[in-house]
């Protein structure tokens, strides 16, 4: 096993050279953890997926997800991109519109569809129920991390709080979407702000001017990701938090999240949450993925 096949895709977009780039390495069962980490560092994308044999009955494969710095138990754009690639390669059994990928958080269910003239679309259902926790950090320091005035933070009675559907984020509302472009992120101060806490990354968002429209940016310096063009795990964390906070006991909620605009990598994520009896019973995020390149990568010795 001197080399392995890989593919790259742009995820959460219908257009090549936008969205969030992803590398997927196939038949990776023979790799050691340090080799996966070395390869992910070589690609130097926000995440690289290593496709291995399934761990649980009914799963199609195991998807191990690495940033340039560490392995993650779950991430959205790798799950969506990996599912779309496996479908496009004909590795999903004929007639199946659903597959399961084993990830660190457990089995993740993914629905697939392909419309005429469009790339594959995949929608995952978060394997972990949404959870929120208060954030009692320094509000003024958080504003300084973002390079904004403290009065720019907050919106519609929302405050910075922590949220997770498998990956915890500090989710930070801004009063207006235009403020996203004004962010000047200080990675060093962010590391100090998040040190020892539950959340490992900062997801900043603002409500758009249309119902259900959100704009977002995500920063994760501790994961080796200065800024991410599209973050599915942050999208489900945010959707889960908004659903938990929604007053309706029975609801099917939907949001369109635009991310990556300020990076020149515009992305579109479609998030959903279902509430029954006052409880959030499902959180989902989906998007398109476009194949970009393929080749072989040398296995580190």
Foldseek 3Di string as FASTA:
>chain_A
DFKWKKFKWAWQDQDPPFHFIEMETEACVPDDPVLLLVVLLVVQGQKYWYWADADDPQALTATWIAGNAGTAQDWDRVVFQVVLVCVVVVVPPPPDQKHWYQGNLGIKIKGWDDDPPTGIKIKIWQPAAKDKAADDFDLCLVCVQFPHGSLQWDDPNDAFIWMFSRAIEGEIEGHAPVCNLVTDGDVVSVCVRCPPHRHQKYKYKYAHPDPQEMEIWIAHVVSVGRTGQDTFRVLQRVQSVVLLVDPDQFDKHKHWYWGNVSVVRTGIKIWIWGHHRSGTPIIMIMRGMGIDDMDMDTRDD
